[in-house]
Amino acid sequence: MADSTAGRISTGGKQPYPDTVDPRATTEPVIRLPLATATTAFRSQLEDWIMTERLTRGFAVTDREPRCPFDPSARLAAMAGEEEPTRVPMYEPRFGDADVLLVSRYADVRAALGDTRLRYSRLPLADGSPRTYLPGFLPDFDGAEHTRLRRMVSGIFTPKRVQTLRPMIERIVAERLDALDEAGPGTDLVEAFALTIPSDVIGEILGVPTSLRGDFHRLSAGIVNFANSPAVYFSHLAAFGAYVTSMVDEIRRNPAEGLISSLLAEGDEKITDAEIIGLTSALVVAGHETTASMLGVSALALIQRPDQRALLLDDAVPTKNAVEELLRYMSVSGVFPRAATEDVTIGSWRVKAGERVLVSLLNANRDPELVSDPDRLDLSREPAAHLAFGFGSHQCPGQHLARLELQLALPALFRRFPGLELAVPADELVFHQDGANVYGLEALPVTW
């Protein structure tokens, strides 16, 4: 298996599909066909594509069209056109090799995510033995335990509570913009802006000292790359666990205003130290990875599309609506695979007990049943009930915080730097690929 640098490609690089079957190798634009037509046109290509490699869960979100790296690849589009979910060979460092049913249509994805009989916590280990759990790590739990843990943090992420954080987020955005201005043209917008804002925000919420926030991204990146071998993956997991443990220990010695101190004050009767570490780990990863990726790819799209940038800054277009369209269109987050605890019917097809399901939020949010002309970015579009934050009991608890960060940071960036543009050719930009479970840019050098 690949090392931690796997899963990164340049938009101009060769793609890992056979040249003889890749429709993207032509100079013609890729056309998303009606479902029935797509099924006929791409079935043979699908068979060849699927048999040539074992994918990771990140494929469902990072497999993009090279000439427009915001769009699903021809392969993903073909799977969305199938009458039934596509069976895909998948590798997972925590569970080994197994086939999954890739679910793409909006209604089916929503139904699958909302069905409590499909559970991540039911996935067995590679040798068939029961899973071990990371105490407190929200995705590892369902039912009453999941509800108990989620309630420990849900209060701070309610829409009303998040709005009280607006001054703090505005301050952090202003500080980042000042630092960007001081650094000057040629600065990497991912490093100087997209990563630092959500890292500082979640650090403030958790009560993590500034000196301990620098490793948020470096250490968490390894545990969201699912192309790594088990040895490499678990070494990253151990390093991240040790980092969060030392962070919690430091806050125990020197309490600070924030969620971690509040959880420590609850005592072992309500939440154990191990659960605090697991819960904090989940919040650190989810609290900055996805928002950072959204800031980066959204900034790139707005640099490249002045008409949409103008809409973002147009007072007649609600910023909330613009952000919802960016969330739908970009769909940067992947999800955890799930296993059926019993036979389950989703739409017109059946998942047998023990079978594994993986949904593509990217495909679901590009379903013409959700919005008309789904491959067009239109910040003036009325908000759709997209699935960028998932659905059901595992829907992202921090979605309202992420929305507010995007609503504040993106307009501020382009008002401060109205002439923002790329400092390198677009085909030199490098995006996350199959191993990563979040789609984003490695770097975004800009000038103004």
Protein backbone atom coordinates (compact mmCIF):
# COMPACT_ATOMS: atom_id res chain seq x y z
CA MET A 1 0.00 0.00 0.00
CA ALA A 2 0.99 3.59 -0.54
CA ASP A 3 2.74 5.75 2.00
CA SER A 4 1.30 8.96 3.44
CA THR A 5 2.14 10.93 0.31
CA ALA A 6 -0.11 8.77 -1.83
CA GLY A 7 -3.36 10.07 -3.15
CA ARG A 8 -2.08 13.41 -4.41
CA ILE A 9 -2.25 14.28 -8.10
CA SER A 10 -1.71 17.35 -10.22
CA THR A 11 -4.57 18.47 -12.40
CA GLY A 12 -2.23 18.02 -15.31
CA GLY A 13 -0.98 14.59 -14.26
CA LYS A 14 -1.78 11.21 -15.76
CA GLN A 15 -4.83 9.60 -14.21
CA PRO A 16 -4.85 6.02 -12.84
CA TYR A 17 -7.32 4.67 -15.42
CA PRO A 18 -6.54 2.69 -18.59
CA ASP A 19 -6.02 5.12 -21.48
CA THR A 20 -8.11 2.94 -23.79
CA VAL A 21 -11.26 3.40 -21.75
CA ASP A 22 -10.89 6.86 -20.26
CA PRO A 23 -13.36 9.23 -21.98
CA ARG A 24 -11.60 12.17 -20.34
CA ALA A 25 -8.55 11.60 -22.59
CA THR A 26 -10.30 13.43 -25.43
CA THR A 27 -10.35 17.18 -25.90
CA GLU A 28 -14.16 17.20 -25.94
CA PRO A 29 -16.02 18.31 -22.80
CA VAL A 30 -17.39 15.53 -20.64
CA ILE A 31 -21.18 15.42 -20.90
CA ARG A 32 -23.25 14.02 -18.06
CA LEU A 33 -25.79 11.87 -19.86
CA PRO A 34 -29.35 10.99 -18.83
CA LEU A 35 -29.37 7.99 -16.52
CA ALA A 36 -30.49 5.38 -19.04
CA THR A 37 -28.07 6.63 -21.69
CA ALA A 38 -25.17 6.79 -19.24
CA THR A 39 -25.82 3.18 -18.22
CA THR A 40 -25.50 1.99 -21.81
CA ALA A 41 -22.63 4.27 -22.78
CA PHE A 42 -20.36 3.60 -19.80
CA ARG A 43 -21.11 0.02 -18.69
CA SER A 44 -18.06 -1.50 -20.41
CA GLN A 45 -15.83 1.32 -19.15
CA LEU A 46 -17.13 0.79 -15.63
CA GLU A 47 -16.27 -2.89 -15.73
CA ASP A 48 -12.73 -2.11 -16.89
CA TRP A 49 -12.24 0.75 -14.43
CA ILE A 50 -13.50 -1.21 -11.44
CA MET A 51 -11.40 -4.27 -12.14
CA THR A 52 -8.11 -2.39 -12.54
CA GLU A 53 -7.68 -1.18 -8.98
CA ARG A 54 -8.89 -1.50 -5.41
CA LEU A 55 -10.13 1.87 -4.21
CA THR A 56 -10.38 3.53 -0.82
CA ARG A 57 -13.43 5.25 0.62
CA GLY A 58 -11.95 8.59 -0.49
CA PHE A 59 -12.61 7.69 -4.11
CA ALA A 60 -16.28 8.63 -3.66
CA VAL A 61 -15.36 12.26 -2.99
CA THR A 62 -11.91 12.85 -4.54
CA ASP A 63 -12.34 11.25 -7.98
CA ARG A 64 -12.73 14.45 -10.00
CA GLU A 65 -12.63 15.57 -13.62
CA PRO A 66 -9.10 16.84 -14.42
CA ARG A 67 -10.19 19.66 -16.74
CA CYS A 68 -12.66 20.88 -14.11
CA PRO A 69 -11.41 19.60 -10.76
CA PHE A 70 -14.66 20.56 -9.04
CA ASP A 71 -16.75 18.07 -11.07
CA PRO A 72 -17.15 14.31 -10.51
CA SER A 73 -14.96 12.21 -12.79
CA ALA A 74 -16.44 10.43 -15.78
CA ARG A 75 -16.12 7.23 -13.76
CA LEU A 76 -18.14 8.59 -10.84
CA ALA A 77 -20.68 10.09 -13.24
CA ALA A 78 -21.04 6.70 -14.90
CA MET A 79 -21.71 5.06 -11.55
CA ALA A 80 -24.36 7.67 -10.82
CA GLY A 81 -26.02 6.65 -14.08
CA GLU A 82 -26.34 2.99 -13.13
CA GLU A 83 -29.80 1.64 -12.28
CA GLU A 84 -28.41 0.04 -9.10
CA PRO A 85 -25.44 0.78 -6.83
CA THR A 86 -22.10 -0.23 -8.30
CA ARG A 87 -20.11 -2.93 -6.53
CA VAL A 88 -16.59 -1.59 -5.98
CA PRO A 89 -13.53 -3.34 -4.50
CA MET A 90 -12.38 -1.26 -1.55
CA TYR A 91 -9.35 -1.23 0.72
CA GLU A 92 -9.62 0.08 4.27
CA PRO A 93 -6.58 0.05 6.59
CA ARG A 94 -8.76 -0.62 9.64
CA PHE A 95 -10.75 -3.49 8.08
CA GLY A 96 -8.83 -4.83 5.09
CA ASP A 97 -10.16 -5.57 1.60
CA ALA A 98 -13.89 -5.83 0.94
CA ASP A 99 -16.41 -4.96 -1.74
CA VAL A 100 -18.81 -2.07 -1.13
CA LEU A 101 -21.97 -0.97 -2.87
CA LEU A 102 -21.44 2.62 -4.00
CA VAL A 103 -24.70 4.57 -3.64
CA SER A 104 -24.99 7.73 -5.73
CA ARG A 105 -28.55 8.94 -6.28
CA TYR A 106 -29.73 11.65 -3.93
CA ALA A 107 -32.84 9.85 -2.66
CA ASP A 108 -30.93 6.61 -2.11
CA VAL A 109 -28.02 8.32 -0.35
CA ARG A 110 -30.38 10.17 1.96
CA ALA A 111 -32.26 6.94 2.70
CA ALA A 112 -29.05 5.01 3.37
CA LEU A 113 -27.66 7.66 5.72
CA GLY A 114 -30.95 7.80 7.60
CA ASP A 115 -31.27 4.03 8.07
CA THR A 116 -29.96 2.99 11.48
CA ARG A 117 -29.60 -0.61 10.27
CA LEU A 118 -26.58 0.51 8.22
CA ARG A 119 -23.80 1.05 10.74
CA TYR A 120 -20.13 1.90 10.59
CA SER A 121 -19.70 0.32 14.01
CA ARG A 122 -20.77 -3.05 12.57
CA LEU A 123 -17.83 -3.35 10.19
CA PRO A 124 -15.69 -6.33 11.32
CA LEU A 125 -11.92 -6.38 11.24
CA ALA A 126 -10.08 -7.99 8.33
CA ASP A 127 -9.94 -11.40 10.06
CA GLY A 128 -13.67 -11.30 10.84
CA SER A 129 -13.23 -10.59 14.55
CA PRO A 130 -15.34 -7.89 16.25
CA ARG A 131 -14.15 -4.33 15.97
CA THR A 132 -12.31 -2.54 18.69
CA TYR A 133 -13.48 0.97 19.46
CA LEU A 134 -11.72 4.23 20.10
CA PRO A 135 -13.50 5.41 23.25
CA GLY A 136 -15.40 8.63 22.66
CA PHE A 137 -14.80 8.77 18.89
CA LEU A 138 -18.29 9.63 17.64
CA PRO A 139 -18.31 7.76 14.31
CA ASP A 140 -17.47 4.51 16.13
CA PHE A 141 -20.78 4.51 18.01
CA ASP A 142 -24.48 4.18 17.31
CA GLY A 143 -27.65 4.16 19.36
CA ALA A 144 -27.63 5.21 23.01
CA GLU A 145 -23.84 5.54 23.29
CA HIS A 146 -23.68 7.78 20.24
CA THR A 147 -26.52 9.91 21.61
CA ARG A 148 -24.81 10.24 25.01
CA LEU A 149 -21.51 11.34 23.50
CA ARG A 150 -23.11 13.68 20.99
CA ARG A 151 -25.06 15.44 23.75
CA MET A 152 -21.77 16.21 25.47
CA VAL A 153 -20.84 18.56 22.62
CA SER A 154 -24.09 19.43 20.84
CA GLY A 155 -24.88 22.43 23.04
CA ILE A 156 -21.92 24.43 21.80
CA PHE A 157 -22.83 23.84 18.15
CA THR A 158 -26.48 24.91 18.14
CA PRO A 159 -27.34 27.70 15.65
CA LYS A 160 -28.00 30.15 18.48
CA ARG A 161 -24.74 29.37 20.30
CA VAL A 162 -22.71 29.48 17.08
CA GLN A 163 -23.94 33.00 16.39
CA THR A 164 -22.39 34.13 19.67
CA LEU A 165 -19.03 33.07 18.21
CA ARG A 166 -19.32 35.56 15.33
CA PRO A 167 -17.08 38.25 16.93
CA MET A 168 -14.38 35.68 17.66
CA ILE A 169 -14.47 34.33 14.09
CA GLU A 170 -14.44 37.85 12.62
CA ARG A 171 -11.38 38.66 14.73
CA ILE A 172 -9.55 35.52 13.56
CA VAL A 173 -10.41 36.20 9.91
CA ALA A 174 -9.15 39.79 10.21
CA GLU A 175 -5.90 38.59 11.80
CA ARG A 176 -5.35 36.08 9.00
CA LEU A 177 -6.00 38.69 6.34
CA ASP A 178 -3.51 41.05 7.98
CA ALA A 179 -0.92 38.26 8.07
CA LEU A 180 -1.63 37.42 4.42
CA ASP A 181 -1.17 41.07 3.44
CA GLU A 182 2.10 41.26 5.37
CA ALA A 183 3.41 38.06 3.76
CA GLY A 184 2.77 39.55 0.33
CA PRO A 185 2.05 38.14 -3.13
CA GLY A 186 3.11 34.55 -3.75
CA THR A 187 1.81 33.36 -0.38
CA ASP A 188 0.12 29.97 -0.13
CA LEU A 189 -3.53 30.70 0.63
CA VAL A 190 -4.11 27.20 2.00
CA GLU A 191 -1.39 27.51 4.62
CA ALA A 192 -1.90 31.19 5.47
CA PHE A 193 -5.69 31.37 5.37
CA ALA A 194 -7.70 28.23 4.69
CA LEU A 195 -6.02 26.02 7.30
CA THR A 196 -5.37 28.58 10.00
CA ILE A 197 -8.87 30.01 10.34
CA PRO A 198 -10.72 26.77 11.22
CA SER A 199 -7.76 25.56 13.29
CA ASP A 200 -7.85 28.74 15.38
CA VAL A 201 -11.64 28.64 15.66
CA ILE A 202 -11.84 25.04 16.87
CA GLY A 203 -8.85 25.69 19.12
CA GLU A 204 -10.70 28.59 20.78
CA ILE A 205 -13.84 26.48 21.20
CA LEU A 206 -11.94 23.58 22.75
CA GLY A 207 -9.80 25.88 24.89
CA VAL A 208 -6.52 24.69 23.36
CA PRO A 209 -3.54 27.05 23.90
CA THR A 210 -2.28 28.68 20.72
CA SER A 211 1.11 27.02 21.16
CA LEU A 212 -0.48 23.55 20.81
CA ARG A 213 -2.57 24.18 17.68
CA GLY A 214 0.21 24.08 15.12
CA ASP A 215 0.10 20.30 14.76
CA PHE A 216 -3.67 20.02 14.21
CA HIS A 217 -3.36 19.56 10.47
CA ARG A 218 0.01 17.81 10.26
CA LEU A 219 -1.03 15.02 12.60
CA SER A 220 -4.65 14.68 11.57
CA ALA A 221 -3.79 14.46 7.84
CA GLY A 222 -2.35 11.00 8.36
CA ILE A 223 -5.52 9.57 9.87
CA VAL A 224 -7.76 10.77 7.02
CA ASN A 225 -5.55 9.16 4.36
CA PHE A 226 -7.00 5.71 3.87
CA ALA A 227 -4.51 4.60 1.21
CA ASN A 228 -1.88 3.97 3.88
CA SER A 229 -0.90 0.46 4.90
CA PRO A 230 -2.29 -0.68 8.27
CA ALA A 231 1.15 -0.21 9.88
CA VAL A 232 1.49 3.35 8.61
CA TYR A 233 -2.15 4.21 9.29
CA PHE A 234 -2.05 2.98 12.89
CA SER A 235 1.27 4.72 13.51
CA HIS A 236 -0.40 7.99 12.47
CA LEU A 237 -3.37 7.16 14.70
CA ALA A 238 -1.07 6.48 17.65
CA ALA A 239 0.83 9.74 17.08
CA PHE A 240 -2.39 11.71 16.89
CA GLY A 241 -3.74 9.99 20.01
CA ALA A 242 -0.56 10.82 21.92
CA TYR A 243 -0.80 14.44 20.76
CA VAL A 244 -4.42 14.81 21.89
CA THR A 245 -3.64 13.05 25.18
CA SER A 246 -0.83 15.49 25.95
CA MET A 247 -3.08 18.38 24.95
CA VAL A 248 -5.83 17.25 27.34
CA ASP A 249 -3.27 16.68 30.10
CA GLU A 250 -1.93 20.22 29.65
CA ILE A 251 -5.44 21.66 29.90
CA ARG A 252 -6.07 19.55 33.01
CA ARG A 253 -2.99 21.13 34.62
CA ASN A 254 -3.87 24.61 33.39
CA PRO A 255 -7.64 24.85 32.90
CA ALA A 256 -8.82 27.29 30.24
CA GLU A 257 -12.22 28.41 29.11
CA GLY A 258 -13.40 25.89 26.54
CA LEU A 259 -15.06 22.58 25.90
CA ILE A 260 -12.21 20.36 27.08
CA SER A 261 -12.11 21.98 30.51
CA SER A 262 -15.90 21.66 30.72
CA LEU A 263 -15.72 17.95 29.89
CA LEU A 264 -12.94 17.38 32.44
CA ALA A 265 -15.11 19.04 35.07
CA GLU A 266 -17.91 16.54 34.42
CA GLY A 267 -15.96 13.76 36.16
CA ASP A 268 -15.64 10.05 35.37
CA GLU A 269 -19.27 9.35 36.22
CA LYS A 270 -20.42 11.13 33.06
CA ILE A 271 -17.42 10.84 30.73
CA THR A 272 -14.08 9.09 31.13
CA ASP A 273 -10.69 10.55 30.30
CA ALA A 274 -10.37 8.11 27.41
CA GLU A 275 -13.71 9.30 26.03
CA ILE A 276 -12.66 12.94 26.34
CA ILE A 277 -9.54 12.15 24.28
CA GLY A 278 -11.59 10.30 21.64
CA LEU A 279 -14.24 12.99 21.47
CA THR A 280 -11.61 15.73 21.25
CA SER A 281 -9.85 13.81 18.47
CA ALA A 282 -13.05 13.65 16.43
CA LEU A 283 -13.71 17.36 16.90
CA VAL A 284 -10.16 18.40 16.00
CA VAL A 285 -10.24 16.43 12.74
CA ALA A 286 -13.80 17.34 11.75
CA GLY A 287 -13.48 20.87 13.08
CA HIS A 288 -10.79 21.99 10.68
CA GLU A 289 -10.15 19.51 7.82
CA THR A 290 -13.43 19.97 5.95
CA THR A 291 -13.77 23.72 6.51
CA ALA A 292 -10.16 24.28 5.48
CA SER A 293 -10.73 22.29 2.30
CA MET A 294 -13.92 24.21 1.54
CA LEU A 295 -12.16 27.54 1.99
CA GLY A 296 -9.37 26.51 -0.37
CA VAL A 297 -11.39 25.06 -3.25
CA SER A 298 -14.05 27.77 -2.94
CA ALA A 299 -11.39 30.50 -3.15
CA LEU A 300 -9.97 28.84 -6.27
CA ALA A 301 -13.39 28.63 -7.94
CA LEU A 302 -14.12 32.27 -7.15
CA ILE A 303 -10.70 33.36 -8.47
CA GLN A 304 -11.41 31.53 -11.72
CA ARG A 305 -15.03 32.67 -12.04
CA PRO A 306 -15.35 36.43 -11.67
CA ASP A 307 -19.10 36.29 -12.31
CA GLN A 308 -19.60 34.10 -9.23
CA ARG A 309 -17.20 36.23 -7.18
CA ALA A 310 -19.34 39.24 -8.05
CA LEU A 311 -22.44 37.40 -6.84
CA LEU A 312 -20.73 36.55 -3.54
CA LEU A 313 -20.04 40.25 -2.98
CA ASP A 314 -23.44 41.42 -4.25
CA ASP A 315 -25.59 42.64 -1.35
CA ALA A 316 -28.67 41.50 -3.29
CA VAL A 317 -27.52 37.87 -3.03
CA PRO A 318 -27.72 36.50 0.54
CA THR A 319 -24.30 35.27 1.61
CA LYS A 320 -25.98 32.29 3.26
CA ASN A 321 -27.42 31.22 -0.09
CA ALA A 322 -24.07 31.61 -1.82
CA VAL A 323 -22.34 29.43 0.77
CA GLU A 324 -25.02 26.73 0.52
CA GLU A 325 -24.44 26.56 -3.23
CA LEU A 326 -20.69 26.28 -2.73
CA LEU A 327 -21.23 23.48 -0.22
CA ARG A 328 -23.48 21.60 -2.64
CA TYR A 329 -21.26 22.12 -5.64
CA MET A 330 -17.92 21.33 -3.99
CA SER A 331 -19.05 18.47 -1.69
CA VAL A 332 -15.57 18.02 -0.21
CA SER A 333 -16.41 15.48 2.50
CA GLY A 334 -16.40 11.72 2.31
CA VAL A 335 -18.23 9.46 4.74
CA PHE A 336 -17.59 6.26 6.64
CA PRO A 337 -18.61 2.98 5.00
CA ARG A 338 -21.44 1.12 6.66
CA ALA A 339 -22.49 -2.52 7.03
CA ALA A 340 -26.07 -3.82 7.08
CA THR A 341 -27.10 -5.37 10.40
CA GLU A 342 -29.98 -7.11 8.58
CA ASP A 343 -31.47 -7.19 5.10
CA VAL A 344 -32.31 -3.59 4.16
CA THR A 345 -34.28 -2.20 1.22
CA ILE A 346 -33.08 1.15 -0.13
CA GLY A 347 -35.21 2.48 -2.95
CA SER A 348 -35.74 -0.44 -5.33
CA TRP A 349 -32.71 -2.51 -4.32
CA ARG A 350 -31.79 -4.73 -1.41
CA VAL A 351 -28.70 -4.77 0.77
CA LYS A 352 -28.13 -8.17 2.35
CA ALA A 353 -27.13 -8.49 5.98
CA GLY A 354 -23.37 -8.06 6.26
CA GLU A 355 -22.95 -6.25 2.94
CA ARG A 356 -21.10 -2.94 2.99
CA VAL A 357 -22.38 0.35 1.64
CA LEU A 358 -20.50 3.53 0.77
CA VAL A 359 -22.34 6.67 -0.33
CA SER A 360 -21.06 9.45 -2.57
CA LEU A 361 -22.21 12.82 -1.27
CA LEU A 362 -20.59 14.34 -4.35
CA ASN A 363 -22.76 12.35 -6.74
CA ALA A 364 -25.86 12.88 -4.61
CA ASN A 365 -25.40 16.65 -4.62
CA ARG A 366 -25.02 16.61 -8.43
CA ASP A 367 -28.25 14.65 -8.92
CA PRO A 368 -30.64 16.49 -11.29
CA GLU A 369 -33.45 15.35 -9.00
CA LEU A 370 -32.02 17.73 -6.38
CA VAL A 371 -31.43 20.80 -8.56
CA SER A 372 -31.70 21.61 -12.24
CA ASP A 373 -28.44 21.92 -14.16
CA PRO A 374 -26.53 20.46 -11.17
CA ASP A 375 -23.06 20.82 -12.71
CA ARG A 376 -23.39 24.58 -12.92
CA LEU A 377 -22.14 26.71 -10.01
CA ASP A 378 -24.68 29.48 -9.42
CA LEU A 379 -24.36 31.44 -6.20
CA SER A 380 -27.73 33.08 -6.87
CA ARG A 381 -29.46 29.68 -6.77
CA GLU A 382 -32.06 29.10 -4.07
CA PRO A 383 -30.57 26.80 -1.43
CA ALA A 384 -31.18 23.09 -1.95
CA ALA A 385 -31.45 20.41 0.73
CA HIS A 386 -27.94 19.18 -0.07
CA LEU A 387 -26.11 16.44 1.82
CA ALA A 388 -22.69 18.10 2.15
CA PHE A 389 -22.84 17.56 5.93
CA GLY A 390 -24.36 14.10 5.68
CA PHE A 391 -27.76 13.11 7.01
CA GLY A 392 -29.25 11.16 9.88
CA SER A 393 -27.82 10.51 13.32
CA HIS A 394 -24.21 10.99 12.15
CA GLN A 395 -24.84 14.30 10.41
CA CYS A 396 -21.98 16.70 11.14
CA PRO A 397 -22.60 18.30 14.56
CA GLY A 398 -20.48 21.32 13.63
CA GLN A 399 -22.27 22.20 10.40
CA HIS A 400 -23.59 25.54 11.66
CA LEU A 401 -20.10 26.56 12.74
CA ALA A 402 -18.64 25.60 9.35
CA ARG A 403 -21.32 27.60 7.57
CA LEU A 404 -20.60 30.71 9.61
CA GLU A 405 -16.85 30.44 9.05
CA LEU A 406 -17.41 30.27 5.28
CA GLN A 407 -19.94 33.11 5.34
CA LEU A 408 -17.47 35.38 7.12
CA ALA A 409 -14.14 34.34 5.60
CA LEU A 410 -14.85 34.18 1.86
CA PRO A 411 -16.43 37.63 1.37
CA ALA A 412 -13.79 39.19 3.64
CA LEU A 413 -11.01 37.63 1.56
CA PHE A 414 -12.23 39.06 -1.75
CA ARG A 415 -13.13 42.46 -0.31
CA ARG A 416 -9.64 42.78 1.15
CA PHE A 417 -7.96 41.48 -2.04
CA PRO A 418 -10.28 42.26 -4.97
CA GLY A 419 -7.48 41.53 -7.45
CA LEU A 420 -6.69 38.08 -6.03
CA GLU A 421 -5.42 35.67 -8.70
CA LEU A 422 -3.31 32.55 -9.08
CA ALA A 423 0.45 32.90 -8.79
CA VAL A 424 1.02 29.65 -10.71
CA PRO A 425 -0.66 28.06 -13.75
CA ALA A 426 -3.85 26.25 -12.77
CA ASP A 427 -2.57 22.94 -14.15
CA GLU A 428 0.23 22.97 -11.58
CA LEU A 429 -2.18 22.88 -8.64
CA VAL A 430 -2.24 19.60 -6.72
CA PHE A 431 -5.43 18.15 -5.26
CA HIS A 432 -6.09 15.34 -2.79
CA GLN A 433 -6.90 12.12 -4.57
CA ASP A 434 -8.14 8.63 -3.69
CA GLY A 435 -6.53 8.06 -0.29
CA ALA A 436 -7.87 11.20 1.35
CA ASN A 437 -11.41 11.27 2.72
CA VAL A 438 -11.63 15.05 2.23
CA TYR A 439 -11.12 16.74 -1.15
CA GLY A 440 -8.93 19.79 -1.13
CA LEU A 441 -5.82 21.55 -2.39
CA GLU A 442 -2.28 20.86 -1.26
CA ALA A 443 -1.42 24.53 -1.83
CA LEU A 444 -2.88 27.61 -3.50
CA PRO A 445 -0.19 30.22 -4.29
CA VAL A 446 -1.85 33.59 -4.94
CA THR A 447 -0.93 37.12 -5.88
CA TRP A 448 -2.76 40.42 -6.08
